[in-house]
Amino acid sequence: MTSIHQRPFAPEDRSEAGHWEGDLIVGPAHRSAIGTLVERQSRVVKLIHLERADSFTLHQALVRELAALPKRLLRSITWDQGTEMAAHEKIAADLGVRIYFCDPCSPWQRPSNENTNGLLRDYFPKGADLSIHTRDELLRVEAELNMRPREVLGHRPPAELFATLLASPNHLLLR
């Protein structure tokens, strides 16, 4: 595993687009899960429908959801040390991305993702079976979060900023 301490930028540095923070929100007894990704600069959210909370399923889902992104918008993923990332080397190779791991019990090393996971609990309460939610439901929640203006983004929605990044190959700094 590559430690977050080897990442070439500080946790507060959001000057370059394409760096993501990821995690799972899990249901009872870890029998269901939703993958969560947040792009650090734009704060855009991607929710990943998972049939199971294992490394094989997560690998397939991450490749399916992220492979179409331009390389400039998929530079790294920072994750916690959960067993769902056991296939991190294969994920990194298949996506052409660097994967960094946080220190144990250090959620502040993925602040955007932790904040998003807190927001998601309004939609998916703790203790709820997450397997009942369809991919379409997750896309609806994702769109709602991405269209919500954020103070930290000058009251602009993440979707607007991410669309700007997608449209402009040389647009590195949004603010």
N, C-alpha and C. Protein backbone atom coordinates (compact mmCIF):
# COMPACT_ATOMS: atom_id res chain seq x y z
N MET A 1 0.84 -1.19 0.00
CA MET A 1 0.00 0.00 0.00
C MET A 1 0.88 1.25 0.00
N THR A 2 0.44 2.24 -0.73
CA THR A 2 1.14 3.52 -0.75
C THR A 2 0.47 4.45 0.25
N SER A 3 1.23 4.93 1.21
CA SER A 3 0.71 5.78 2.28
C SER A 3 0.35 7.16 1.77
N ILE A 4 -0.64 7.76 2.41
CA ILE A 4 -1.02 9.14 2.12
C ILE A 4 0.16 10.08 2.31
N HIS A 5 1.10 9.70 3.14
CA HIS A 5 2.27 10.53 3.40
C HIS A 5 3.22 10.57 2.19
N GLN A 6 3.01 9.69 1.23
CA GLN A 6 3.79 9.70 0.00
C GLN A 6 3.08 10.46 -1.12
N ARG A 7 1.88 10.92 -0.84
CA ARG A 7 1.13 11.69 -1.83
C ARG A 7 1.86 13.01 -2.06
N PRO A 8 1.98 13.45 -3.31
CA PRO A 8 2.80 14.63 -3.59
C PRO A 8 2.12 15.97 -3.29
N PHE A 9 1.04 15.98 -2.55
CA PHE A 9 0.38 17.23 -2.18
C PHE A 9 -0.18 17.08 -0.77
N ALA A 10 -0.30 18.22 -0.11
CA ALA A 10 -0.80 18.24 1.28
C ALA A 10 -2.31 18.06 1.29
N PRO A 11 -2.87 17.60 2.40
CA PRO A 11 -4.31 17.40 2.49
C PRO A 11 -5.14 18.64 2.15
N GLU A 12 -4.64 19.82 2.48
CA GLU A 12 -5.41 21.04 2.22
C GLU A 12 -5.21 21.57 0.79
N ASP A 13 -4.30 20.98 0.04
CA ASP A 13 -4.02 21.44 -1.33
C ASP A 13 -5.06 20.85 -2.30
N ARG A 14 -5.87 21.74 -2.87
CA ARG A 14 -6.89 21.33 -3.83
C ARG A 14 -6.68 22.05 -5.17
N SER A 15 -5.43 22.41 -5.45
CA SER A 15 -5.13 23.22 -6.63
C SER A 15 -5.18 22.44 -7.94
N GLU A 16 -5.11 21.13 -7.88
CA GLU A 16 -5.11 20.33 -9.09
C GLU A 16 -6.34 19.41 -9.10
N ALA A 17 -7.06 19.42 -10.20
CA ALA A 17 -8.24 18.57 -10.34
C ALA A 17 -7.82 17.12 -10.60
N GLY A 18 -8.74 16.20 -10.34
CA GLY A 18 -8.53 14.80 -10.66
C GLY A 18 -8.10 13.93 -9.51
N HIS A 19 -8.08 14.50 -8.32
CA HIS A 19 -7.73 13.71 -7.13
C HIS A 19 -9.03 13.42 -6.36
N TRP A 20 -9.27 12.17 -6.10
CA TRP A 20 -10.53 11.71 -5.52
C TRP A 20 -10.29 11.13 -4.13
N GLU A 21 -11.32 11.20 -3.29
CA GLU A 21 -11.34 10.53 -1.99
C GLU A 21 -12.48 9.52 -2.04
N GLY A 22 -12.22 8.32 -1.53
CA GLY A 22 -13.24 7.28 -1.61
C GLY A 22 -13.42 6.51 -0.32
N ASP A 23 -14.57 5.86 -0.23
CA ASP A 23 -14.92 5.08 0.95
C ASP A 23 -16.19 4.29 0.64
N LEU A 24 -16.64 3.53 1.60
CA LEU A 24 -17.94 2.87 1.54
C LEU A 24 -18.78 3.35 2.69
N ILE A 25 -20.10 3.48 2.45
CA ILE A 25 -21.02 3.50 3.59
C ILE A 25 -21.62 2.11 3.59
N VAL A 26 -21.72 1.54 4.77
CA VAL A 26 -22.12 0.14 4.86
C VAL A 26 -23.42 -0.02 5.65
N GLY A 27 -24.12 -1.08 5.30
CA GLY A 27 -25.35 -1.44 6.00
C GLY A 27 -25.05 -2.39 7.14
N PRO A 28 -26.11 -2.94 7.73
CA PRO A 28 -25.94 -3.83 8.89
C PRO A 28 -25.06 -5.04 8.58
N ALA A 29 -24.18 -5.34 9.50
CA ALA A 29 -23.28 -6.50 9.43
C ALA A 29 -22.45 -6.50 8.14
N HIS A 30 -22.24 -5.34 7.57
CA HIS A 30 -21.44 -5.20 6.34
C HIS A 30 -21.97 -6.05 5.18
N ARG A 31 -23.27 -6.30 5.17
CA ARG A 31 -23.85 -7.11 4.09
C ARG A 31 -24.27 -6.28 2.89
N SER A 32 -24.28 -4.97 3.02
CA SER A 32 -24.62 -4.10 1.89
C SER A 32 -23.77 -2.84 1.99
N ALA A 33 -23.53 -2.22 0.83
CA ALA A 33 -22.68 -1.03 0.82
C ALA A 33 -22.93 -0.18 -0.42
N ILE A 34 -22.57 1.08 -0.30
CA ILE A 34 -22.57 2.02 -1.42
C ILE A 34 -21.18 2.64 -1.44
N GLY A 35 -20.55 2.61 -2.61
CA GLY A 35 -19.25 3.26 -2.77
C GLY A 35 -19.45 4.75 -2.93
N THR A 36 -18.59 5.54 -2.30
CA THR A 36 -18.69 6.99 -2.40
C THR A 36 -17.34 7.54 -2.85
N LEU A 37 -17.38 8.43 -3.83
CA LEU A 37 -16.18 9.10 -4.32
C LEU A 37 -16.46 10.60 -4.38
N VAL A 38 -15.48 11.41 -4.02
CA VAL A 38 -15.59 12.86 -4.11
C VAL A 38 -14.32 13.39 -4.76
N GLU A 39 -14.51 14.18 -5.82
CA GLU A 39 -13.36 14.83 -6.46
C GLU A 39 -12.99 16.02 -5.58
N ARG A 40 -11.74 16.11 -5.19
CA ARG A 40 -11.31 17.06 -4.16
C ARG A 40 -11.48 18.52 -4.55
N GLN A 41 -11.28 18.88 -5.78
CA GLN A 41 -11.35 20.29 -6.16
C GLN A 41 -12.78 20.76 -6.37
N SER A 42 -13.54 20.05 -7.16
CA SER A 42 -14.92 20.46 -7.49
C SER A 42 -15.94 19.99 -6.46
N ARG A 43 -15.57 19.02 -5.65
CA ARG A 43 -16.45 18.38 -4.66
C ARG A 43 -17.57 17.57 -5.33
N VAL A 44 -17.43 17.23 -6.61
CA VAL A 44 -18.45 16.42 -7.26
C VAL A 44 -18.45 15.02 -6.64
N VAL A 45 -19.64 14.46 -6.50
CA VAL A 45 -19.85 13.17 -5.85
C VAL A 45 -20.20 12.12 -6.89
N LYS A 46 -19.64 10.93 -6.73
CA LYS A 46 -20.05 9.76 -7.50
C LYS A 46 -20.44 8.68 -6.51
N LEU A 47 -21.65 8.14 -6.69
CA LEU A 47 -22.11 7.04 -5.85
C LEU A 47 -22.05 5.76 -6.67
N ILE A 48 -21.56 4.70 -6.05
CA ILE A 48 -21.32 3.46 -6.77
C ILE A 48 -22.19 2.35 -6.19
N HIS A 49 -23.06 1.86 -7.04
CA HIS A 49 -23.95 0.76 -6.65
C HIS A 49 -23.11 -0.52 -6.54
N LEU A 50 -23.17 -1.15 -5.39
CA LEU A 50 -22.40 -2.38 -5.15
C LEU A 50 -23.35 -3.51 -4.78
N GLU A 51 -23.26 -4.60 -5.50
CA GLU A 51 -24.05 -5.78 -5.15
C GLU A 51 -23.53 -6.40 -3.85
N ARG A 52 -22.19 -6.33 -3.67
CA ARG A 52 -21.55 -6.85 -2.47
C ARG A 52 -20.44 -5.88 -2.06
N ALA A 53 -20.05 -5.94 -0.80
CA ALA A 53 -18.99 -5.05 -0.29
C ALA A 53 -17.66 -5.79 -0.24
N ASP A 54 -17.23 -6.31 -1.40
CA ASP A 54 -15.96 -7.02 -1.45
C ASP A 54 -15.04 -6.39 -2.49
N SER A 55 -13.79 -6.80 -2.50
CA SER A 55 -12.80 -6.16 -3.37
C SER A 55 -13.06 -6.43 -4.85
N PHE A 56 -13.54 -7.61 -5.19
CA PHE A 56 -13.83 -7.92 -6.59
C PHE A 56 -14.94 -7.03 -7.13
N THR A 57 -16.03 -6.90 -6.37
CA THR A 57 -17.16 -6.07 -6.78
C THR A 57 -16.75 -4.61 -6.86
N LEU A 58 -15.99 -4.13 -5.87
CA LEU A 58 -15.55 -2.73 -5.88
C LEU A 58 -14.63 -2.47 -7.08
N HIS A 59 -13.73 -3.38 -7.36
CA HIS A 59 -12.85 -3.23 -8.51
C HIS A 59 -13.65 -3.06 -9.79
N GLN A 60 -14.59 -3.96 -10.03
CA GLN A 60 -15.42 -3.89 -11.24
C GLN A 60 -16.18 -2.56 -11.31
N ALA A 61 -16.75 -2.16 -10.19
CA ALA A 61 -17.58 -0.95 -10.15
C ALA A 61 -16.73 0.31 -10.38
N LEU A 62 -15.57 0.38 -9.76
CA LEU A 62 -14.71 1.56 -9.95
C LEU A 62 -14.25 1.67 -11.40
N VAL A 63 -13.88 0.56 -11.99
CA VAL A 63 -13.45 0.60 -13.39
C VAL A 63 -14.62 1.02 -14.27
N ARG A 64 -15.80 0.47 -14.03
CA ARG A 64 -16.99 0.82 -14.81
C ARG A 64 -17.31 2.31 -14.69
N GLU A 65 -17.24 2.85 -13.48
CA GLU A 65 -17.65 4.24 -13.24
C GLU A 65 -16.60 5.28 -13.62
N LEU A 66 -15.31 4.92 -13.55
CA LEU A 66 -14.27 5.93 -13.71
C LEU A 66 -13.47 5.83 -15.01
N ALA A 67 -13.54 4.72 -15.69
CA ALA A 67 -12.68 4.51 -16.87
C ALA A 67 -12.90 5.55 -17.96
N ALA A 68 -14.08 6.11 -18.08
CA ALA A 68 -14.36 7.07 -19.16
C ALA A 68 -13.88 8.48 -18.85
N LEU A 69 -13.45 8.73 -17.62
CA LEU A 69 -12.96 10.07 -17.28
C LEU A 69 -11.65 10.37 -18.00
N PRO A 70 -11.46 11.61 -18.43
CA PRO A 70 -10.15 11.98 -18.99
C PRO A 70 -9.06 11.79 -17.93
N LYS A 71 -7.88 11.41 -18.35
CA LYS A 71 -6.79 11.15 -17.40
C LYS A 71 -6.51 12.34 -16.49
N ARG A 72 -6.69 13.55 -17.00
CA ARG A 72 -6.43 14.74 -16.18
C ARG A 72 -7.43 14.87 -15.03
N LEU A 73 -8.55 14.13 -15.12
CA LEU A 73 -9.54 14.16 -14.04
C LEU A 73 -9.56 12.86 -13.24
N LEU A 74 -8.54 12.04 -13.46
CA LEU A 74 -8.40 10.81 -12.68
C LEU A 74 -6.91 10.58 -12.41
N ARG A 75 -6.39 11.35 -11.46
CA ARG A 75 -4.96 11.30 -11.14
C ARG A 75 -4.67 10.40 -9.94
N SER A 76 -5.54 10.47 -8.92
CA SER A 76 -5.31 9.66 -7.73
C SER A 76 -6.63 9.41 -7.00
N ILE A 77 -6.60 8.37 -6.18
CA ILE A 77 -7.71 8.06 -5.27
C ILE A 77 -7.09 7.84 -3.90
N THR A 78 -7.64 8.50 -2.89
CA THR A 78 -7.21 8.29 -1.50
C THR A 78 -8.33 7.56 -0.79
N TRP A 79 -8.02 6.45 -0.13
CA TRP A 79 -9.01 5.55 0.47
C TRP A 79 -8.56 5.22 1.88
N ASP A 80 -9.50 4.71 2.68
CA ASP A 80 -9.08 4.21 4.00
C ASP A 80 -8.51 2.80 3.81
N GLN A 81 -8.21 2.12 4.90
CA GLN A 81 -7.55 0.83 4.79
C GLN A 81 -8.53 -0.35 4.89
N GLY A 82 -9.72 -0.19 4.35
CA GLY A 82 -10.71 -1.26 4.38
C GLY A 82 -10.35 -2.42 3.46
N THR A 83 -10.84 -3.60 3.79
CA THR A 83 -10.55 -4.80 3.01
C THR A 83 -11.14 -4.75 1.61
N GLU A 84 -12.12 -3.86 1.40
CA GLU A 84 -12.70 -3.73 0.06
C GLU A 84 -11.69 -3.26 -0.97
N MET A 85 -10.56 -2.71 -0.52
CA MET A 85 -9.53 -2.24 -1.44
C MET A 85 -8.37 -3.24 -1.57
N ALA A 86 -8.63 -4.50 -1.27
CA ALA A 86 -7.58 -5.52 -1.39
C ALA A 86 -7.06 -5.62 -2.82
N ALA A 87 -7.86 -5.27 -3.80
CA ALA A 87 -7.45 -5.33 -5.21
C ALA A 87 -6.94 -3.98 -5.71
N HIS A 88 -6.39 -3.16 -4.81
CA HIS A 88 -5.98 -1.81 -5.18
C HIS A 88 -4.93 -1.79 -6.29
N GLU A 89 -4.05 -2.76 -6.35
CA GLU A 89 -3.04 -2.77 -7.41
C GLU A 89 -3.69 -2.99 -8.77
N LYS A 90 -4.67 -3.86 -8.83
CA LYS A 90 -5.39 -4.11 -10.08
C LYS A 90 -6.23 -2.88 -10.48
N ILE A 91 -6.87 -2.26 -9.50
CA ILE A 91 -7.63 -1.03 -9.77
C ILE A 91 -6.71 0.04 -10.34
N ALA A 92 -5.56 0.22 -9.69
CA ALA A 92 -4.59 1.23 -10.13
C ALA A 92 -4.12 0.94 -11.55
N ALA A 93 -3.83 -0.31 -11.85
CA ALA A 93 -3.35 -0.66 -13.18
C ALA A 93 -4.45 -0.48 -14.23
N ASP A 94 -5.66 -0.92 -13.92
CA ASP A 94 -6.75 -0.84 -14.88
C ASP A 94 -7.18 0.60 -15.17
N LEU A 95 -7.08 1.48 -14.17
CA LEU A 95 -7.49 2.87 -14.35
C LEU A 95 -6.33 3.81 -14.64
N GLY A 96 -5.10 3.33 -14.46
CA GLY A 96 -3.95 4.21 -14.65
C GLY A 96 -3.91 5.31 -13.62
N VAL A 97 -4.18 4.98 -12.38
CA VAL A 97 -4.32 5.97 -11.31
C VAL A 97 -3.45 5.55 -10.12
N ARG A 98 -2.99 6.52 -9.35
CA ARG A 98 -2.29 6.24 -8.09
C ARG A 98 -3.32 6.09 -6.99
N ILE A 99 -3.12 5.12 -6.11
CA ILE A 99 -4.02 4.93 -4.97
C ILE A 99 -3.20 5.09 -3.69
N TYR A 100 -3.70 5.97 -2.83
CA TYR A 100 -3.05 6.24 -1.55
C TYR A 100 -3.99 5.79 -0.43
N PHE A 101 -3.40 5.35 0.67
CA PHE A 101 -4.18 4.90 1.81
C PHE A 101 -3.93 5.78 3.02
N CYS A 102 -5.02 6.12 3.68
CA CYS A 102 -4.96 6.92 4.91
C CYS A 102 -4.39 6.10 6.04
N ASP A 103 -3.96 6.78 7.07
CA ASP A 103 -3.55 6.12 8.29
C ASP A 103 -4.78 5.50 8.94
N PRO A 104 -4.60 4.42 9.72
CA PRO A 104 -5.75 3.84 10.42
C PRO A 104 -6.43 4.86 11.34
N CYS A 105 -7.73 4.80 11.38
CA CYS A 105 -8.54 5.66 12.27
C CYS A 105 -8.25 7.14 12.04
N SER A 106 -8.12 7.56 10.78
CA SER A 106 -7.79 8.95 10.46
C SER A 106 -8.73 9.50 9.38
N PRO A 107 -10.02 9.60 9.68
CA PRO A 107 -10.97 10.06 8.67
C PRO A 107 -10.70 11.49 8.20
N TRP A 108 -10.03 12.31 9.00
CA TRP A 108 -9.74 13.69 8.61
C TRP A 108 -8.77 13.75 7.41
N GLN A 109 -8.16 12.63 7.05
CA GLN A 109 -7.28 12.61 5.89
C GLN A 109 -8.07 12.50 4.58
N ARG A 110 -9.38 12.30 4.68
CA ARG A 110 -10.29 12.31 3.53
C ARG A 110 -11.48 13.20 3.88
N PRO A 111 -11.25 14.49 4.12
CA PRO A 111 -12.31 15.34 4.68
C PRO A 111 -13.53 15.52 3.77
N SER A 112 -13.32 15.65 2.47
CA SER A 112 -14.47 15.83 1.57
C SER A 112 -15.34 14.60 1.55
N ASN A 113 -14.69 13.43 1.55
CA ASN A 113 -15.45 12.19 1.53
C ASN A 113 -16.20 11.97 2.84
N GLU A 114 -15.57 12.26 3.94
CA GLU A 114 -16.24 12.08 5.24
C GLU A 114 -17.44 13.01 5.35
N ASN A 115 -17.29 14.26 4.89
CA ASN A 115 -18.40 15.20 4.91
C ASN A 115 -19.55 14.68 4.04
N THR A 116 -19.21 14.20 2.86
CA THR A 116 -20.22 13.66 1.95
C THR A 116 -20.93 12.45 2.55
N ASN A 117 -20.16 11.57 3.17
CA ASN A 117 -20.79 10.40 3.79
C ASN A 117 -21.77 10.82 4.88
N GLY A 118 -21.46 11.89 5.59
CA GLY A 118 -22.40 12.42 6.59
C GLY A 118 -23.67 12.92 5.93
N LEU A 119 -23.53 13.64 4.81
CA LEU A 119 -24.71 14.10 4.07
C LEU A 119 -25.54 12.93 3.55
N LEU A 120 -24.86 11.88 3.13
CA LEU A 120 -25.56 10.73 2.57
C LEU A 120 -26.41 10.00 3.60
N ARG A 121 -26.08 10.15 4.87
CA ARG A 121 -26.86 9.46 5.90
C ARG A 121 -28.27 10.06 6.01
N ASP A 122 -28.50 11.25 5.45
CA ASP A 122 -29.87 11.78 5.36
C ASP A 122 -30.69 10.95 4.39
N TYR A 123 -30.05 10.40 3.40
CA TYR A 123 -30.72 9.57 2.39
C TYR A 123 -30.69 8.09 2.74
N PHE A 124 -29.60 7.66 3.35
CA PHE A 124 -29.37 6.26 3.66
C PHE A 124 -28.99 6.13 5.14
N PRO A 125 -29.98 6.09 6.03
CA PRO A 125 -29.70 6.09 7.48
C PRO A 125 -28.84 4.90 7.93
N LYS A 126 -28.07 5.13 8.98
CA LYS A 126 -27.29 4.05 9.58
C LYS A 126 -28.24 2.92 9.96
N GLY A 127 -27.78 1.70 9.75
CA GLY A 127 -28.58 0.53 10.09
C GLY A 127 -29.53 0.09 9.00
N ALA A 128 -29.65 0.89 7.93
CA ALA A 128 -30.56 0.54 6.83
C ALA A 128 -29.88 -0.43 5.87
N ASP A 129 -30.66 -1.31 5.30
CA ASP A 129 -30.16 -2.22 4.27
C ASP A 129 -29.96 -1.42 2.99
N LEU A 130 -28.72 -1.25 2.58
CA LEU A 130 -28.40 -0.43 1.42
C LEU A 130 -28.60 -1.17 0.10
N SER A 131 -28.77 -2.47 0.16
CA SER A 131 -28.94 -3.25 -1.07
C SER A 131 -30.29 -3.00 -1.74
N ILE A 132 -31.22 -2.40 -1.02
CA ILE A 132 -32.55 -2.16 -1.61
C ILE A 132 -32.54 -0.97 -2.57
N HIS A 133 -31.48 -0.19 -2.57
CA HIS A 133 -31.42 1.00 -3.42
C HIS A 133 -30.86 0.65 -4.79
N THR A 134 -31.57 1.04 -5.83
CA THR A 134 -31.15 0.75 -7.19
C THR A 134 -30.10 1.75 -7.66
N ARG A 135 -29.46 1.42 -8.75
CA ARG A 135 -28.48 2.33 -9.35
C ARG A 135 -29.16 3.65 -9.73
N ASP A 136 -30.39 3.58 -10.23
CA ASP A 136 -31.12 4.81 -10.58
C ASP A 136 -31.37 5.69 -9.36
N GLU A 137 -31.69 5.09 -8.22
CA GLU A 137 -31.88 5.87 -6.99
C GLU A 137 -30.58 6.55 -6.59
N LEU A 138 -29.47 5.83 -6.71
CA LEU A 138 -28.17 6.43 -6.36
C LEU A 138 -27.83 7.58 -7.30
N LEU A 139 -28.15 7.42 -8.58
CA LEU A 139 -27.90 8.51 -9.53
C LEU A 139 -28.74 9.74 -9.20
N ARG A 140 -29.97 9.54 -8.73
CA ARG A 140 -30.83 10.66 -8.35
C ARG A 140 -30.23 11.40 -7.15
N VAL A 141 -29.79 10.67 -6.14
CA VAL A 141 -29.18 11.28 -4.96
C VAL A 141 -27.87 11.98 -5.35
N GLU A 142 -27.07 11.33 -6.18
CA GLU A 142 -25.82 11.92 -6.66
C GLU A 142 -26.10 13.25 -7.36
N ALA A 143 -27.09 13.27 -8.24
CA ALA A 143 -27.43 14.50 -8.97
C ALA A 143 -27.90 15.59 -8.02
N GLU A 144 -28.70 15.21 -7.03
CA GLU A 144 -29.19 16.19 -6.06
C GLU A 144 -28.03 16.83 -5.29
N LEU A 145 -27.10 16.01 -4.83
CA LEU A 145 -25.93 16.55 -4.11
C LEU A 145 -25.06 17.41 -5.02
N ASN A 146 -24.89 16.98 -6.25
CA ASN A 146 -24.01 17.71 -7.18
C ASN A 146 -24.61 19.01 -7.68
N MET A 147 -25.92 19.17 -7.55
CA MET A 147 -26.57 20.42 -7.97
C MET A 147 -26.77 21.39 -6.80
N ARG A 148 -26.41 20.96 -5.62
CA ARG A 148 -26.57 21.77 -4.42
C ARG A 148 -25.40 22.76 -4.28
N PRO A 149 -25.67 24.06 -4.31
CA PRO A 149 -24.58 25.03 -4.17
C PRO A 149 -23.84 24.84 -2.84
N ARG A 150 -22.54 25.08 -2.88
CA ARG A 150 -21.70 24.93 -1.69
C ARG A 150 -21.01 26.24 -1.39
N GLU A 151 -21.03 26.62 -0.15
CA GLU A 151 -20.38 27.86 0.26
C GLU A 151 -18.89 27.83 -0.09
N VAL A 152 -18.25 26.70 0.17
CA VAL A 152 -16.82 26.57 -0.10
C VAL A 152 -16.48 26.74 -1.58
N LEU A 153 -17.47 26.60 -2.45
CA LEU A 153 -17.28 26.76 -3.89
C LEU A 153 -17.84 28.09 -4.40
N GLY A 154 -17.96 29.06 -3.52
CA GLY A 154 -18.51 30.36 -3.90
C GLY A 154 -19.98 30.27 -4.27
N HIS A 155 -20.68 29.39 -3.59
CA HIS A 155 -22.13 29.17 -3.79
C HIS A 155 -22.46 28.62 -5.17
N ARG A 156 -21.49 27.96 -5.78
CA ARG A 156 -21.73 27.27 -7.04
C ARG A 156 -21.91 25.78 -6.76
N PRO A 157 -22.64 25.08 -7.59
CA PRO A 157 -22.80 23.63 -7.38
C PRO A 157 -21.60 22.85 -7.95
N PRO A 158 -21.25 21.74 -7.33
CA PRO A 158 -20.14 20.92 -7.83
C PRO A 158 -20.31 20.51 -9.29
N ALA A 159 -21.54 20.20 -9.71
CA ALA A 159 -21.76 19.76 -11.10
C ALA A 159 -21.33 20.83 -12.09
N GLU A 160 -21.57 22.08 -11.77
CA GLU A 160 -21.17 23.18 -12.66
C GLU A 160 -19.65 23.24 -12.80
N LEU A 161 -18.96 23.12 -11.67
CA LEU A 161 -17.50 23.19 -11.70
C LEU A 161 -16.90 21.98 -12.41
N PHE A 162 -17.48 20.81 -12.18
CA PHE A 162 -16.96 19.61 -12.83
C PHE A 162 -17.20 19.67 -14.34
N ALA A 163 -18.34 20.20 -14.74
CA ALA A 163 -18.63 20.37 -16.18
C ALA A 163 -17.59 21.29 -16.82
N THR A 164 -17.19 22.32 -16.09
CA THR A 164 -16.15 23.23 -16.58
C THR A 164 -14.84 22.47 -16.76
N LEU A 165 -14.51 21.62 -15.81
CA LEU A 165 -13.29 20.83 -15.92
C LEU A 165 -13.36 19.88 -17.11
N LEU A 166 -14.49 19.25 -17.31
CA LEU A 166 -14.63 18.32 -18.43
C LEU A 166 -14.49 19.03 -19.78
N ALA A 167 -15.00 20.24 -19.85
CA ALA A 167 -15.01 20.98 -21.11
C ALA A 167 -13.69 21.65 -21.44
N SER A 168 -12.83 21.85 -20.46
CA SER A 168 -11.62 22.63 -20.66
C SER A 168 -10.39 21.83 -20.24
N PRO A 169 -9.66 21.25 -21.20
CA PRO A 169 -8.53 20.40 -20.84
C PRO A 169 -7.41 21.11 -20.09
N ASN A 170 -7.31 22.43 -20.21
CA ASN A 170 -6.23 23.15 -19.54
C ASN A 170 -6.69 23.89 -18.29
N HIS A 171 -7.92 23.67 -17.88
CA HIS A 171 -8.48 24.38 -16.73
C HIS A 171 -8.14 23.62 -15.46
N LEU A 172 -7.03 23.97 -14.82
CA LEU A 172 -6.58 23.25 -13.63
C LEU A 172 -7.16 23.82 -12.34
N LEU A 173 -7.35 25.11 -12.29
CA LEU A 173 -7.78 25.74 -11.05
C LEU A 173 -9.16 26.34 -11.24
N LEU A 174 -10.10 25.91 -10.43
CA LEU A 174 -11.49 26.37 -10.57
C LEU A 174 -11.76 27.66 -9.84
N ARG A 175 -11.02 27.93 -8.80
CA ARG A 175 -11.32 29.11 -7.99
C ARG A 175 -10.21 30.13 -8.16
